[in-house]
Amino acid sequence: ALKAEGVKYIFGLPGGDTFYDAIANNQEIQPVLVREESSGVFMAMGYAKITGKPGICYGSSGPGVANLIPGLLEAESDCVPVIAIAGASSAANAGMGAFQETDQISITKPITRWSERITQPERVPWVIRRAFSLALNGKPGPVFIDIPKDIAQQEAEMPDYIPTEYPI
């Protein structure tokens, strides 16, 4: 889905999940590693301002997402299209005090145009398409996508991805 949207860079810091493993094998999307997650979101903002395309950033669960907050606040204030993707503790353990478990949707919802948790792997194309559409159309701004570890690791038949049309 990210490749179909023309994503060239993802700014962030790998965590204990499979997201970076998936893009490491992709020659078309380059990870730009940072020392701390807030740098990634500000780099994504700079990229979005220069190119007019959404900047993509990544944070690991818990403290990593907390470090994205200053940049997401700034992106909302400046109307900059940023798509923040984050790993999360397993959905199967939700609410059971898993390591670094945090209600990331509640934290990001007030400061983004849209915050969504992927609940099934087959929903990935819909969530990514909606994220790009909301980040770019109307008043641009940040969007947050939460991917639980167990959902990210499931095998699934993925529906075809239809890239976003913008601006609407």
C-alpha atoms as a PDB file:
ATOM      1  CA  ALA A   1       0.000   0.000   0.000  1.00  0.00           C
ATOM      2  CA  LEU A   2       2.792   2.449   0.870  1.00  0.00           C
ATOM      3  CA  LYS A   3       4.652   1.590  -2.328  1.00  0.00           C
ATOM      4  CA  ALA A   4       1.478   2.133  -4.391  1.00  0.00           C
ATOM      5  CA  GLU A   5       1.102   5.584  -2.789  1.00  0.00           C
ATOM      6  CA  GLY A   6       4.609   6.490  -3.948  1.00  0.00           C
ATOM      7  CA  VAL A   7       6.234   6.523  -0.509  1.00  0.00           C
ATOM      8  CA  LYS A   8      10.012   6.852  -0.870  1.00  0.00           C
ATOM      9  CA  TYR A   9      11.093   7.401   2.758  1.00  0.00           C
ATOM     10  CA  ILE A  10       9.965   6.397   6.235  1.00  0.00           C
ATOM     11  CA  PHE A  11      11.509   8.378   9.081  1.00  0.00           C
ATOM     12  CA  GLY A  12      11.708   6.585  12.391  1.00  0.00           C
ATOM     13  CA  LEU A  13      13.236   4.232  14.897  1.00  0.00           C
ATOM     14  CA  PRO A  14      12.678   0.467  14.716  1.00  0.00           C
ATOM     15  CA  GLY A  15      11.082  -1.201  17.717  1.00  0.00           C
ATOM     16  CA  GLY A  16      10.328  -4.774  18.679  1.00  0.00           C
ATOM     17  CA  ASP A  17       7.971  -5.481  15.791  1.00  0.00           C
ATOM     18  CA  THR A  18       7.985  -6.560  12.140  1.00  0.00           C
ATOM     19  CA  PHE A  19       7.319  -3.225  10.379  1.00  0.00           C
ATOM     20  CA  TYR A  20      10.953  -2.434   9.608  1.00  0.00           C
ATOM     21  CA  ASP A  21      11.619  -6.057   8.642  1.00  0.00           C
ATOM     22  CA  ALA A  22       8.943  -5.710   5.953  1.00  0.00           C
ATOM     23  CA  ILE A  23      10.359  -2.507   4.451  1.00  0.00           C
ATOM     24  CA  ALA A  24      14.003  -3.588   4.746  1.00  0.00           C
ATOM     25  CA  ASN A  25      13.455  -6.021   1.869  1.00  0.00           C
ATOM     26  CA  ASN A  26      11.816  -3.359  -0.296  1.00  0.00           C
ATOM     27  CA  GLN A  27      14.224  -1.462  -2.545  1.00  0.00           C
ATOM     28  CA  GLU A  28      11.705   1.314  -3.297  1.00  0.00           C
ATOM     29  CA  ILE A  29      11.120   2.553   0.279  1.00  0.00           C
ATOM     30  CA  GLN A  30      14.129   3.754   2.206  1.00  0.00           C
ATOM     31  CA  PRO A  31      14.092   3.828   6.005  1.00  0.00           C
ATOM     32  CA  VAL A  32      15.715   6.960   7.416  1.00  0.00           C
ATOM     33  CA  LEU A  33      16.784   6.001  10.911  1.00  0.00           C
ATOM     34  CA  VAL A  34      16.703   8.534  13.727  1.00  0.00           C
ATOM     35  CA  ARG A  35      18.061   8.541  17.260  1.00  0.00           C
ATOM     36  CA  GLU A  36      14.721   9.481  18.842  1.00  0.00           C
ATOM     37  CA  GLU A  37      11.168   9.280  17.463  1.00  0.00           C
ATOM     38  CA  SER A  38      10.397  13.002  17.669  1.00  0.00           C
ATOM     39  CA  SER A  39      13.172  13.593  15.120  1.00  0.00           C
ATOM     40  CA  GLY A  40      11.369  11.252  12.721  1.00  0.00           C
ATOM     41  CA  VAL A  41       8.075  13.104  12.846  1.00  0.00           C
ATOM     42  CA  PHE A  42       9.784  16.478  12.354  1.00  0.00           C
ATOM     43  CA  MET A  43      11.757  15.050   9.407  1.00  0.00           C
ATOM     44  CA  ALA A  44       8.474  13.757   7.940  1.00  0.00           C
ATOM     45  CA  MET A  45       7.032  17.268   8.330  1.00  0.00           C
ATOM     46  CA  GLY A  46       9.997  18.775   6.493  1.00  0.00           C
ATOM     47  CA  TYR A  47       9.624  16.229   3.712  1.00  0.00           C
ATOM     48  CA  ALA A  48       5.894  16.987   3.412  1.00  0.00           C
ATOM     49  CA  LYS A  49       6.504  20.748   3.281  1.00  0.00           C
ATOM     50  CA  ILE A  50       9.142  20.380   0.564  1.00  0.00           C
ATOM     51  CA  THR A  51       7.348  17.819  -1.636  1.00  0.00           C
ATOM     52  CA  GLY A  52       3.648  18.401  -0.944  1.00  0.00           C
ATOM     53  CA  LYS A  53       3.325  14.649  -0.311  1.00  0.00           C
ATOM     54  CA  PRO A  54       2.592  13.161   3.109  1.00  0.00           C
ATOM     55  CA  GLY A  55       5.637  12.522   5.247  1.00  0.00           C
ATOM     56  CA  ILE A  56       5.632   9.063   6.806  1.00  0.00           C
ATOM     57  CA  CYS A  57       7.086   8.429  10.242  1.00  0.00           C
ATOM     58  CA  TYR A  58       7.218   5.471  12.588  1.00  0.00           C
ATOM     59  CA  GLY A  59       7.347   5.015  16.349  1.00  0.00           C
ATOM     60  CA  SER A  60       7.455   1.884  18.449  1.00  0.00           C
ATOM     61  CA  SER A  61       4.762   1.232  21.026  1.00  0.00           C
ATOM     62  CA  GLY A  62       4.416   3.143  24.284  1.00  0.00           C
ATOM     63  CA  PRO A  63       7.288   5.598  24.789  1.00  0.00           C
ATOM     64  CA  GLY A  64       7.986   5.705  21.041  1.00  0.00           C
ATOM     65  CA  VAL A  65       4.472   6.976  20.355  1.00  0.00           C
ATOM     66  CA  ALA A  66       4.749   9.432  23.241  1.00  0.00           C
ATOM     67  CA  ASN A  67       7.824  10.872  21.510  1.00  0.00           C
ATOM     68  CA  LEU A  68       5.793  11.426  18.313  1.00  0.00           C
ATOM     69  CA  ILE A  69       3.328  13.728  20.110  1.00  0.00           C
ATOM     70  CA  PRO A  70       5.229  17.065  19.840  1.00  0.00           C
ATOM     71  CA  GLY A  71       5.623  16.631  16.072  1.00  0.00           C
ATOM     72  CA  LEU A  72       2.005  15.559  15.592  1.00  0.00           C
ATOM     73  CA  LEU A  73       0.878  18.647  17.520  1.00  0.00           C
ATOM     74  CA  GLU A  74       3.034  20.826  15.278  1.00  0.00           C
ATOM     75  CA  ALA A  75       1.785  19.093  12.113  1.00  0.00           C
ATOM     76  CA  GLU A  76      -1.819  19.671  13.208  1.00  0.00           C
ATOM     77  CA  SER A  77      -1.111  23.321  13.965  1.00  0.00           C
ATOM     78  CA  ASP A  78       0.725  23.889  10.663  1.00  0.00           C
ATOM     79  CA  CYS A  79      -1.698  21.777   8.536  1.00  0.00           C
ATOM     80  CA  VAL A  80       1.091  19.456   7.368  1.00  0.00           C
ATOM     81  CA  PRO A  81       0.174  16.009   5.972  1.00  0.00           C
ATOM     82  CA  VAL A  82       2.010  13.477   8.137  1.00  0.00           C
ATOM     83  CA  ILE A  83       1.123   9.824   8.506  1.00  0.00           C
ATOM     84  CA  ALA A  84       2.449   8.354  11.741  1.00  0.00           C
ATOM     85  CA  ILE A  85       2.542   4.571  11.948  1.00  0.00           C
ATOM     86  CA  ALA A  86       3.235   2.789  15.198  1.00  0.00           C
ATOM     87  CA  GLY A  87       3.614  -0.685  16.500  1.00  0.00           C
ATOM     88  CA  ALA A  88       1.470  -1.720  19.431  1.00  0.00           C
ATOM     89  CA  SER A  89       1.353  -4.531  21.931  1.00  0.00           C
ATOM     90  CA  SER A  90      -0.658  -7.543  20.816  1.00  0.00           C
ATOM     91  CA  ALA A  91      -4.394  -7.038  20.412  1.00  0.00           C
ATOM     92  CA  ALA A  92      -4.919 -10.408  22.106  1.00  0.00           C
ATOM     93  CA  ASN A  93      -3.414  -8.937  25.293  1.00  0.00           C
ATOM     94  CA  ALA A  94      -5.173  -5.554  25.136  1.00  0.00           C
ATOM     95  CA  GLY A  95      -5.905  -4.165  28.583  1.00  0.00           C
ATOM     96  CA  MET A  96      -3.841  -6.823  30.357  1.00  0.00           C
ATOM     97  CA  GLY A  97      -0.774  -4.692  31.104  1.00  0.00           C
ATOM     98  CA  ALA A  98       1.506  -5.978  28.349  1.00  0.00           C
ATOM     99  CA  PHE A  99       5.022  -4.533  28.126  1.00  0.00           C
ATOM    100  CA  GLN A 100       4.800  -0.838  27.175  1.00  0.00           C
ATOM    101  CA  GLU A 101       1.067  -1.152  26.547  1.00  0.00           C
ATOM    102  CA  THR A 102      -0.494   2.266  26.101  1.00  0.00           C
ATOM    103  CA  ASP A 103      -3.833   3.444  24.760  1.00  0.00           C
ATOM    104  CA  GLN A 104      -2.171   5.089  21.773  1.00  0.00           C
ATOM    105  CA  ILE A 105      -5.451   5.889  20.025  1.00  0.00           C
ATOM    106  CA  SER A 106      -6.672   7.937  23.006  1.00  0.00           C
ATOM    107  CA  ILE A 107      -3.380   9.804  23.136  1.00  0.00           C
ATOM    108  CA  THR A 108      -3.335  10.697  19.421  1.00  0.00           C
ATOM    109  CA  LYS A 109      -7.035  11.167  18.657  1.00  0.00           C
ATOM    110  CA  PRO A 110      -7.290  14.781  19.947  1.00  0.00           C
ATOM    111  CA  ILE A 111      -4.241  15.947  17.966  1.00  0.00           C
ATOM    112  CA  THR A 112      -4.729  14.201  14.602  1.00  0.00           C
ATOM    113  CA  ARG A 113      -7.305  14.298  11.844  1.00  0.00           C
ATOM    114  CA  TRP A 114      -7.843  10.543  12.350  1.00  0.00           C
ATOM    115  CA  SER A 115      -6.445   7.804  14.592  1.00  0.00           C
ATOM    116  CA  GLU A 116      -7.142   4.190  13.735  1.00  0.00           C
ATOM    117  CA  ARG A 117      -6.113   0.781  15.055  1.00  0.00           C
ATOM    118  CA  ILE A 118      -5.858  -1.985  12.486  1.00  0.00           C
ATOM    119  CA  THR A 119      -7.956  -4.850  13.838  1.00  0.00           C
ATOM    120  CA  GLN A 120      -7.557  -7.317  10.949  1.00  0.00           C
ATOM    121  CA  PRO A 121      -4.777  -7.614   8.372  1.00  0.00           C
ATOM    122  CA  GLU A 122      -7.312  -7.415   5.537  1.00  0.00           C
ATOM    123  CA  ARG A 123      -8.202  -3.857   6.655  1.00  0.00           C
ATOM    124  CA  VAL A 124      -4.695  -2.544   5.907  1.00  0.00           C
ATOM    125  CA  PRO A 125      -5.495  -1.328   2.360  1.00  0.00           C
ATOM    126  CA  TRP A 126      -8.622   0.520   3.506  1.00  0.00           C
ATOM    127  CA  VAL A 127      -6.863   2.119   6.486  1.00  0.00           C
ATOM    128  CA  ILE A 128      -3.833   3.237   4.442  1.00  0.00           C
ATOM    129  CA  ARG A 129      -6.004   4.659   1.653  1.00  0.00           C
ATOM    130  CA  ARG A 130      -8.183   6.549   4.142  1.00  0.00           C
ATOM    131  CA  ALA A 131      -5.092   7.829   5.970  1.00  0.00           C
ATOM    132  CA  PHE A 132      -3.639   9.293   2.772  1.00  0.00           C
ATOM    133  CA  SER A 133      -6.993  10.773   1.785  1.00  0.00           C
ATOM    134  CA  LEU A 134      -7.565  12.449   5.163  1.00  0.00           C
ATOM    135  CA  ALA A 135      -3.967  13.677   5.469  1.00  0.00           C
ATOM    136  CA  LEU A 136      -4.115  15.432   2.093  1.00  0.00           C
ATOM    137  CA  ASN A 137      -7.689  16.457   1.332  1.00  0.00           C
ATOM    138  CA  GLY A 138      -9.477  19.462   2.773  1.00  0.00           C
ATOM    139  CA  LYS A 139      -7.377  20.897   5.578  1.00  0.00           C
ATOM    140  CA  PRO A 140      -4.178  18.782   5.513  1.00  0.00           C
ATOM    141  CA  GLY A 141      -2.939  17.339   8.765  1.00  0.00           C
ATOM    142  CA  PRO A 142      -1.528  14.368  10.640  1.00  0.00           C
ATOM    143  CA  VAL A 143      -3.046  10.897  10.796  1.00  0.00           C
ATOM    144  CA  PHE A 144      -2.101   8.056  13.162  1.00  0.00           C
ATOM    145  CA  ILE A 145      -2.183   4.301  12.417  1.00  0.00           C
ATOM    146  CA  ASP A 146      -1.763   1.753  15.222  1.00  0.00           C
ATOM    147  CA  ILE A 147      -0.678  -1.780  14.237  1.00  0.00           C
ATOM    148  CA  PRO A 148      -0.789  -4.436  16.991  1.00  0.00           C
ATOM    149  CA  LYS A 149       2.083  -6.905  16.832  1.00  0.00           C
ATOM    150  CA  ASP A 150      -0.099 -10.017  16.513  1.00  0.00           C
ATOM    151  CA  ILE A 151      -2.180  -8.469  13.711  1.00  0.00           C
ATOM    152  CA  ALA A 152       0.988  -7.474  11.803  1.00  0.00           C
ATOM    153  CA  GLN A 153       2.323 -11.033  11.955  1.00  0.00           C
ATOM    154  CA  GLN A 154      -0.811 -12.775  10.643  1.00  0.00           C
ATOM    155  CA  GLU A 155      -0.884 -14.307   7.190  1.00  0.00           C
ATOM    156  CA  ALA A 156      -3.793 -12.946   5.142  1.00  0.00           C
ATOM    157  CA  GLU A 157      -5.214 -12.720   1.646  1.00  0.00           C
ATOM    158  CA  MET A 158      -4.878  -9.010   0.971  1.00  0.00           C
ATOM    159  CA  PRO A 159      -7.392  -7.186  -1.216  1.00  0.00           C
ATOM    160  CA  ASP A 160      -5.995  -5.183  -4.115  1.00  0.00           C
ATOM    161  CA  TYR A 161      -4.813  -1.709  -3.170  1.00  0.00           C
ATOM    162  CA  ILE A 162      -6.335   1.283  -4.933  1.00  0.00           C
ATOM    163  CA  PRO A 163      -4.179   4.423  -4.488  1.00  0.00           C
ATOM    164  CA  THR A 164      -5.787   7.569  -3.138  1.00  0.00           C
ATOM    165  CA  GLU A 165      -7.054  10.231  -5.512  1.00  0.00           C
ATOM    166  CA  TYR A 166      -6.217  13.735  -4.383  1.00  0.00           C
ATOM    167  CA  PRO A 167      -6.963  16.450  -4.066  1.00  0.00           C
ATOM    168  CA  ILE A 168     -10.676  15.895  -3.935  1.00  0.00           C
END
